[in-house]
Amino acid sequence: MANPRLAGPDPSLQRACQAASRGRWEPAARLFEEAGQDWERRSLYAQRLVQVAAGGRDRWLEGVGGVQARRP
């Protein structure tokens, strides 16, 4: 996946997108957690993950609703 906003590949983002396409939300949650309040990075991550969902690989979104129950 091309990344015009970062100086190079972002392995964590790539792993989160791959996991999301297989129905796993946890790597995406860690990605946002690690980004903290870096809103530009969070925005980029959200854009990429939406692209995964728009590509018909949105099973991971079904698990997001239960995140609050499983994470403090």
PDB file of N, CA and C in Angstrom:
ATOM      1  N   MET A   1       0.853  -1.166   0.000  1.00  0.00           N
ATOM      2  CA  MET A   1       0.000   0.000   0.000  1.00  0.00           C
ATOM      3  C   MET A   1       0.900   1.230   0.000  1.00  0.00           C
ATOM      4  N   ALA A   2       0.771   2.096  -0.979  1.00  0.00           N
ATOM      5  CA  ALA A   2       1.580   3.305  -1.085  1.00  0.00           C
ATOM      6  C   ALA A   2       1.282   4.235   0.085  1.00  0.00           C
ATOM      7  N   ASN A   3       2.299   4.949   0.517  1.00  0.00           N
ATOM      8  CA  ASN A   3       2.159   5.813   1.666  1.00  0.00           C
ATOM      9  C   ASN A   3       2.772   7.177   1.371  1.00  0.00           C
ATOM     10  N   PRO A   4       2.029   8.112   0.791  1.00  0.00           N
ATOM     11  CA  PRO A   4       2.588   9.402   0.418  1.00  0.00           C
ATOM     12  C   PRO A   4       2.836  10.336   1.584  1.00  0.00           C
ATOM     13  N   ARG A   5       2.331  10.037   2.778  1.00  0.00           N
ATOM     14  CA  ARG A   5       2.456  10.953   3.908  1.00  0.00           C
ATOM     15  C   ARG A   5       3.607  10.630   4.853  1.00  0.00           C
ATOM     16  N   LEU A   6       4.151   9.445   4.781  1.00  0.00           N
ATOM     17  CA  LEU A   6       5.245   9.078   5.671  1.00  0.00           C
ATOM     18  C   LEU A   6       6.525   8.923   4.862  1.00  0.00           C
ATOM     19  N   ALA A   7       7.655   9.082   5.534  1.00  0.00           N
ATOM     20  CA  ALA A   7       8.948   9.001   4.850  1.00  0.00           C
ATOM     21  C   ALA A   7       9.234   7.599   4.323  1.00  0.00           C
ATOM     22  N   GLY A   8       8.621   6.606   4.901  1.00  0.00           N
ATOM     23  CA  GLY A   8       8.853   5.236   4.462  1.00  0.00           C
ATOM     24  C   GLY A   8       7.696   4.353   4.871  1.00  0.00           C
ATOM     25  N   PRO A   9       7.821   3.079   4.628  1.00  0.00           N
ATOM     26  CA  PRO A   9       6.750   2.146   5.007  1.00  0.00           C
ATOM     27  C   PRO A   9       6.527   2.162   6.518  1.00  0.00           C
ATOM     28  N   ASP A  10       5.331   1.939   6.918  1.00  0.00           N
ATOM     29  CA  ASP A  10       4.972   1.865   8.332  1.00  0.00           C
ATOM     30  C   ASP A  10       4.570   0.417   8.612  1.00  0.00           C
ATOM     31  N   PRO A  11       5.521  -0.385   9.122  1.00  0.00           N
ATOM     32  CA  PRO A  11       5.234  -1.809   9.336  1.00  0.00           C
ATOM     33  C   PRO A  11       4.032  -2.058  10.252  1.00  0.00           C
ATOM     34  N   SER A  12       3.851  -1.222  11.272  1.00  0.00           N
ATOM     35  CA  SER A  12       2.710  -1.411  12.179  1.00  0.00           C
ATOM     36  C   SER A  12       1.394  -1.191  11.451  1.00  0.00           C
ATOM     37  N   LEU A  13       1.355  -0.184  10.592  1.00  0.00           N
ATOM     38  CA  LEU A  13       0.150   0.086   9.805  1.00  0.00           C
ATOM     39  C   LEU A  13      -0.112  -1.052   8.829  1.00  0.00           C
ATOM     40  N   GLN A  14       0.928  -1.539   8.194  1.00  0.00           N
ATOM     41  CA  GLN A  14       0.769  -2.649   7.256  1.00  0.00           C
ATOM     42  C   GLN A  14       0.236  -3.886   7.966  1.00  0.00           C
ATOM     43  N   ARG A  15       0.775  -4.188   9.151  1.00  0.00           N
ATOM     44  CA  ARG A  15       0.296  -5.343   9.919  1.00  0.00           C
ATOM     45  C   ARG A  15      -1.162  -5.160  10.330  1.00  0.00           C
ATOM     46  N   ALA A  16      -1.518  -3.937  10.755  1.00  0.00           N
ATOM     47  CA  ALA A  16      -2.897  -3.680  11.178  1.00  0.00           C
ATOM     48  C   ALA A  16      -3.863  -3.842  10.008  1.00  0.00           C
ATOM     49  N   CYS A  17      -3.475  -3.366   8.833  1.00  0.00           N
ATOM     50  CA  CYS A  17      -4.338  -3.510   7.650  1.00  0.00           C
ATOM     51  C   CYS A  17      -4.486  -4.976   7.256  1.00  0.00           C
ATOM     52  N   GLN A  18      -3.393  -5.716   7.309  1.00  0.00           N
ATOM     53  CA  GLN A  18      -3.465  -7.144   6.973  1.00  0.00           C
ATOM     54  C   GLN A  18      -4.344  -7.875   7.974  1.00  0.00           C
ATOM     55  N   ALA A  19      -4.170  -7.569   9.253  1.00  0.00           N
ATOM     56  CA  ALA A  19      -4.984  -8.219  10.279  1.00  0.00           C
ATOM     57  C   ALA A  19      -6.458  -7.838  10.110  1.00  0.00           C
ATOM     58  N   ALA A  20      -6.730  -6.563   9.818  1.00  0.00           N
ATOM     59  CA  ALA A  20      -8.110  -6.108   9.636  1.00  0.00           C
ATOM     60  C   ALA A  20      -8.770  -6.844   8.479  1.00  0.00           C
ATOM     61  N   SER A  21      -8.010  -7.099   7.428  1.00  0.00           N
ATOM     62  CA  SER A  21      -8.594  -7.808   6.284  1.00  0.00           C
ATOM     63  C   SER A  21      -8.938  -9.259   6.630  1.00  0.00           C
ATOM     64  N   ARG A  22      -8.382  -9.756   7.738  1.00  0.00           N
ATOM     65  CA  ARG A  22      -8.688 -11.113   8.203  1.00  0.00           C
ATOM     66  C   ARG A  22      -9.672 -11.116   9.369  1.00  0.00           C
ATOM     67  N   GLY A  23     -10.211  -9.920   9.690  1.00  0.00           N
ATOM     68  CA  GLY A  23     -11.225  -9.858  10.739  1.00  0.00           C
ATOM     69  C   GLY A  23     -10.704  -9.551  12.122  1.00  0.00           C
ATOM     70  N   ARG A  24      -9.455  -9.138  12.267  1.00  0.00           N
ATOM     71  CA  ARG A  24      -8.881  -8.863  13.591  1.00  0.00           C
ATOM     72  C   ARG A  24      -8.775  -7.360  13.821  1.00  0.00           C
ATOM     73  N   TRP A  25      -9.321  -6.869  14.916  1.00  0.00           N
ATOM     74  CA  TRP A  25      -9.315  -5.446  15.221  1.00  0.00           C
ATOM     75  C   TRP A  25      -8.200  -5.047  16.179  1.00  0.00           C
ATOM     76  N   GLU A  26      -7.634  -6.005  16.908  1.00  0.00           N
ATOM     77  CA  GLU A  26      -6.673  -5.683  17.969  1.00  0.00           C
ATOM     78  C   GLU A  26      -5.442  -4.911  17.471  1.00  0.00           C
ATOM     79  N   PRO A  27      -4.824  -5.296  16.350  1.00  0.00           N
ATOM     80  CA  PRO A  27      -3.676  -4.515  15.876  1.00  0.00           C
ATOM     81  C   PRO A  27      -4.035  -3.064  15.545  1.00  0.00           C
ATOM     82  N   ALA A  28      -5.228  -2.836  15.026  1.00  0.00           N
ATOM     83  CA  ALA A  28      -5.658  -1.462  14.740  1.00  0.00           C
ATOM     84  C   ALA A  28      -5.816  -0.687  16.049  1.00  0.00           C
ATOM     85  N   ALA A  29      -6.365  -1.329  17.063  1.00  0.00           N
ATOM     86  CA  ALA A  29      -6.520  -0.670  18.364  1.00  0.00           C
ATOM     87  C   ALA A  29      -5.153  -0.288  18.939  1.00  0.00           C
ATOM     88  N   ARG A  30      -4.176  -1.197  18.838  1.00  0.00           N
ATOM     89  CA  ARG A  30      -2.815  -0.900  19.324  1.00  0.00           C
ATOM     90  C   ARG A  30      -2.198   0.252  18.535  1.00  0.00           C
ATOM     91  N   LEU A  31      -2.442   0.270  17.244  1.00  0.00           N
ATOM     92  CA  LEU A  31      -1.911   1.313  16.379  1.00  0.00           C
ATOM     93  C   LEU A  31      -2.377   2.693  16.853  1.00  0.00           C
ATOM     94  N   PHE A  32      -3.665   2.824  17.112  1.00  0.00           N
ATOM     95  CA  PHE A  32      -4.195   4.106  17.582  1.00  0.00           C
ATOM     96  C   PHE A  32      -3.706   4.425  18.987  1.00  0.00           C
ATOM     97  N   GLU A  33      -3.575   3.404  19.808  1.00  0.00           N
ATOM     98  CA  GLU A  33      -3.075   3.602  21.166  1.00  0.00           C
ATOM     99  C   GLU A  33      -1.651   4.152  21.129  1.00  0.00           C
ATOM    100  N   GLU A  34      -0.814   3.574  20.277  1.00  0.00           N
ATOM    101  CA  GLU A  34       0.578   4.011  20.151  1.00  0.00           C
ATOM    102  C   GLU A  34       0.687   5.410  19.539  1.00  0.00           C
ATOM    103  N   ALA A  35      -0.258   5.783  18.689  1.00  0.00           N
ATOM    104  CA  ALA A  35      -0.230   7.108  18.059  1.00  0.00           C
ATOM    105  C   ALA A  35      -0.560   8.206  19.064  1.00  0.00           C
ATOM    106  N   GLY A  36      -1.215   7.837  20.149  1.00  0.00           N
ATOM    107  CA  GLY A  36      -1.538   8.824  21.180  1.00  0.00           C
ATOM    108  C   GLY A  36      -2.324   9.990  20.613  1.00  0.00           C
ATOM    109  N   GLN A  37      -1.837  11.194  20.839  1.00  0.00           N
ATOM    110  CA  GLN A  37      -2.535  12.384  20.367  1.00  0.00           C
ATOM    111  C   GLN A  37      -1.898  12.977  19.113  1.00  0.00           C
ATOM    112  N   ASP A  38      -1.173  12.151  18.381  1.00  0.00           N
ATOM    113  CA  ASP A  38      -0.629  12.571  17.089  1.00  0.00           C
ATOM    114  C   ASP A  38      -1.775  12.463  16.090  1.00  0.00           C
ATOM    115  N   TRP A  39      -2.552  13.540  15.959  1.00  0.00           N
ATOM    116  CA  TRP A  39      -3.792  13.502  15.201  1.00  0.00           C
ATOM    117  C   TRP A  39      -3.562  13.298  13.706  1.00  0.00           C
ATOM    118  N   GLU A  40      -2.454  13.770  13.180  1.00  0.00           N
ATOM    119  CA  GLU A  40      -2.172  13.521  11.757  1.00  0.00           C
ATOM    120  C   GLU A  40      -1.968  12.039  11.500  1.00  0.00           C
ATOM    121  N   ARG A  41      -1.200  11.415  12.372  1.00  0.00           N
ATOM    122  CA  ARG A  41      -0.944   9.975  12.213  1.00  0.00           C
ATOM    123  C   ARG A  41      -2.235   9.188  12.402  1.00  0.00           C
ATOM    124  N   ARG A  42      -3.024   9.551  13.401  1.00  0.00           N
ATOM    125  CA  ARG A  42      -4.291   8.854  13.638  1.00  0.00           C
ATOM    126  C   ARG A  42      -5.218   8.990  12.429  1.00  0.00           C
ATOM    127  N   SER A  43      -5.218  10.187  11.836  1.00  0.00           N
ATOM    128  CA  SER A  43      -6.042  10.414  10.651  1.00  0.00           C
ATOM    129  C   SER A  43      -5.581   9.528   9.491  1.00  0.00           C
ATOM    130  N   LEU A  44      -4.277   9.449   9.300  1.00  0.00           N
ATOM    131  CA  LEU A  44      -3.732   8.583   8.246  1.00  0.00           C
ATOM    132  C   LEU A  44      -4.130   7.134   8.492  1.00  0.00           C
ATOM    133  N   TYR A  45      -3.992   6.684   9.743  1.00  0.00           N
ATOM    134  CA  TYR A  45      -4.349   5.303  10.071  1.00  0.00           C
ATOM    135  C   TYR A  45      -5.826   5.057   9.795  1.00  0.00           C
ATOM    136  N   ALA A  46      -6.670   6.001  10.185  1.00  0.00           N
ATOM    137  CA  ALA A  46      -8.109   5.839   9.949  1.00  0.00           C
ATOM    138  C   ALA A  46      -8.405   5.747   8.451  1.00  0.00           C
ATOM    139  N   GLN A  47      -7.746   6.593   7.663  1.00  0.00           N
ATOM    140  CA  GLN A  47      -7.956   6.558   6.218  1.00  0.00           C
ATOM    141  C   GLN A  47      -7.582   5.205   5.640  1.00  0.00           C
ATOM    142  N   ARG A  48      -6.455   4.670   6.046  1.00  0.00           N
ATOM    143  CA  ARG A  48      -6.003   3.385   5.506  1.00  0.00           C
ATOM    144  C   ARG A  48      -6.942   2.252   5.926  1.00  0.00           C
ATOM    145  N   LEU A  49      -7.376   2.267   7.178  1.00  0.00           N
ATOM    146  CA  LEU A  49      -8.263   1.206   7.652  1.00  0.00           C
ATOM    147  C   LEU A  49      -9.638   1.300   7.000  1.00  0.00           C
ATOM    148  N   VAL A  50     -10.093   2.510   6.704  1.00  0.00           N
ATOM    149  CA  VAL A  50     -11.356   2.671   5.977  1.00  0.00           C
ATOM    150  C   VAL A  50     -11.213   2.095   4.573  1.00  0.00           C
ATOM    151  N   GLN A  51     -10.046   2.260   3.967  1.00  0.00           N
ATOM    152  CA  GLN A  51      -9.819   1.677   2.644  1.00  0.00           C
ATOM    153  C   GLN A  51      -9.925   0.159   2.702  1.00  0.00           C
ATOM    154  N   VAL A  52      -9.436  -0.436   3.777  1.00  0.00           N
ATOM    155  CA  VAL A  52      -9.558  -1.887   3.949  1.00  0.00           C
ATOM    156  C   VAL A  52     -11.038  -2.260   4.029  1.00  0.00           C
ATOM    157  N   ALA A  53     -11.791  -1.507   4.836  1.00  0.00           N
ATOM    158  CA  ALA A  53     -13.220  -1.797   4.984  1.00  0.00           C
ATOM    159  C   ALA A  53     -13.966  -1.567   3.675  1.00  0.00           C
ATOM    160  N   ALA A  54     -13.611  -0.512   2.960  1.00  0.00           N
ATOM    161  CA  ALA A  54     -14.284  -0.201   1.688  1.00  0.00           C
ATOM    162  C   ALA A  54     -14.005  -1.259   0.634  1.00  0.00           C
ATOM    163  N   GLY A  55     -12.887  -1.957   0.797  1.00  0.00           N
ATOM    164  CA  GLY A  55     -12.545  -3.014  -0.141  1.00  0.00           C
ATOM    165  C   GLY A  55     -13.309  -4.300   0.133  1.00  0.00           C
ATOM    166  N   GLY A  56     -14.309  -4.222   1.019  1.00  0.00           N
ATOM    167  CA  GLY A  56     -15.124  -5.399   1.304  1.00  0.00           C
ATOM    168  C   GLY A  56     -14.533  -6.295   2.377  1.00  0.00           C
ATOM    169  N   ARG A  57     -13.474  -5.826   3.011  1.00  0.00           N
ATOM    170  CA  ARG A  57     -12.835  -6.633   4.062  1.00  0.00           C
ATOM    171  C   ARG A  57     -13.108  -5.960   5.398  1.00  0.00           C
ATOM    172  N   ASP A  58     -14.378  -5.903   5.761  1.00  0.00           N
ATOM    173  CA  ASP A  58     -14.776  -5.150   6.937  1.00  0.00           C
ATOM    174  C   ASP A  58     -15.209  -6.012   8.123  1.00  0.00           C
ATOM    175  N   ARG A  59     -14.885  -7.285   8.105  1.00  0.00           N
ATOM    176  CA  ARG A  59     -15.271  -8.155   9.215  1.00  0.00           C
ATOM    177  C   ARG A  59     -14.718  -7.662  10.539  1.00  0.00           C
ATOM    178  N   TRP A  60     -13.533  -7.029  10.503  1.00  0.00           N
ATOM    179  CA  TRP A  60     -12.902  -6.562  11.743  1.00  0.00           C
ATOM    180  C   TRP A  60     -13.746  -5.501  12.433  1.00  0.00           C
ATOM    181  N   LEU A  61     -14.559  -4.761  11.670  1.00  0.00           N
ATOM    182  CA  LEU A  61     -15.397  -3.730  12.275  1.00  0.00           C
ATOM    183  C   LEU A  61     -16.462  -4.331  13.182  1.00  0.00           C
ATOM    184  N   GLU A  62     -16.872  -5.550  12.910  1.00  0.00           N
ATOM    185  CA  GLU A  62     -17.868  -6.201  13.750  1.00  0.00           C
ATOM    186  C   GLU A  62     -17.349  -6.377  15.165  1.00  0.00           C
ATOM    187  N   GLY A  63     -16.054  -6.593  15.307  1.00  0.00           N
ATOM    188  CA  GLY A  63     -15.463  -6.782  16.626  1.00  0.00           C
ATOM    189  C   GLY A  63     -15.215  -5.495  17.377  1.00  0.00           C
ATOM    190  N   VAL A  64     -15.188  -4.382  16.682  1.00  0.00           N
ATOM    191  CA  VAL A  64     -14.881  -3.105  17.317  1.00  0.00           C
ATOM    192  C   VAL A  64     -15.926  -2.735  18.352  1.00  0.00           C
ATOM    193  N   GLY A  65     -17.174  -3.085  18.131  1.00  0.00           N
ATOM    194  CA  GLY A  65     -18.225  -2.763  19.092  1.00  0.00           C
ATOM    195  C   GLY A  65     -17.989  -3.380  20.454  1.00  0.00           C
ATOM    196  N   GLY A  66     -17.295  -4.491  20.502  1.00  0.00           N
ATOM    197  CA  GLY A  66     -17.016  -5.156  21.774  1.00  0.00           C
ATOM    198  C   GLY A  66     -15.716  -4.736  22.415  1.00  0.00           C
ATOM    199  N   VAL A  67     -15.020  -3.795  21.822  1.00  0.00           N
ATOM    200  CA  VAL A  67     -13.728  -3.368  22.351  1.00  0.00           C
ATOM    201  C   VAL A  67     -13.868  -2.832  23.760  1.00  0.00           C
ATOM    202  N   GLN A  68     -14.862  -2.006  24.015  1.00  0.00           N
ATOM    203  CA  GLN A  68     -15.029  -1.423  25.332  1.00  0.00           C
ATOM    204  C   GLN A  68     -15.239  -2.491  26.402  1.00  0.00           C
ATOM    205  N   ALA A  69     -15.881  -3.564  26.038  1.00  0.00           N
ATOM    206  CA  ALA A  69     -16.124  -4.644  27.007  1.00  0.00           C
ATOM    207  C   ALA A  69     -14.832  -5.398  27.311  1.00  0.00           C
ATOM    208  N   ARG A  70     -13.895  -5.442  26.359  1.00  0.00           N
ATOM    209  CA  ARG A  70     -12.687  -6.227  26.541  1.00  0.00           C
ATOM    210  C   ARG A  70     -11.482  -5.406  26.953  1.00  0.00           C
ATOM    211  N   ARG A  71     -11.552  -4.091  26.782  1.00  0.00           N
ATOM    212  CA  ARG A  71     -10.401  -3.230  27.082  1.00  0.00           C
ATOM    213  C   ARG A  71     -10.847  -2.134  28.040  1.00  0.00           C
ATOM    214  N   PRO A  72      -9.981  -1.813  28.991  1.00  0.00           N
ATOM    215  CA  PRO A  72     -10.346  -0.724  29.939  1.00  0.00           C
ATOM    216  C   PRO A  72     -10.340   0.625  29.247  1.00  0.00           C
TER     217      PRO A  72
END
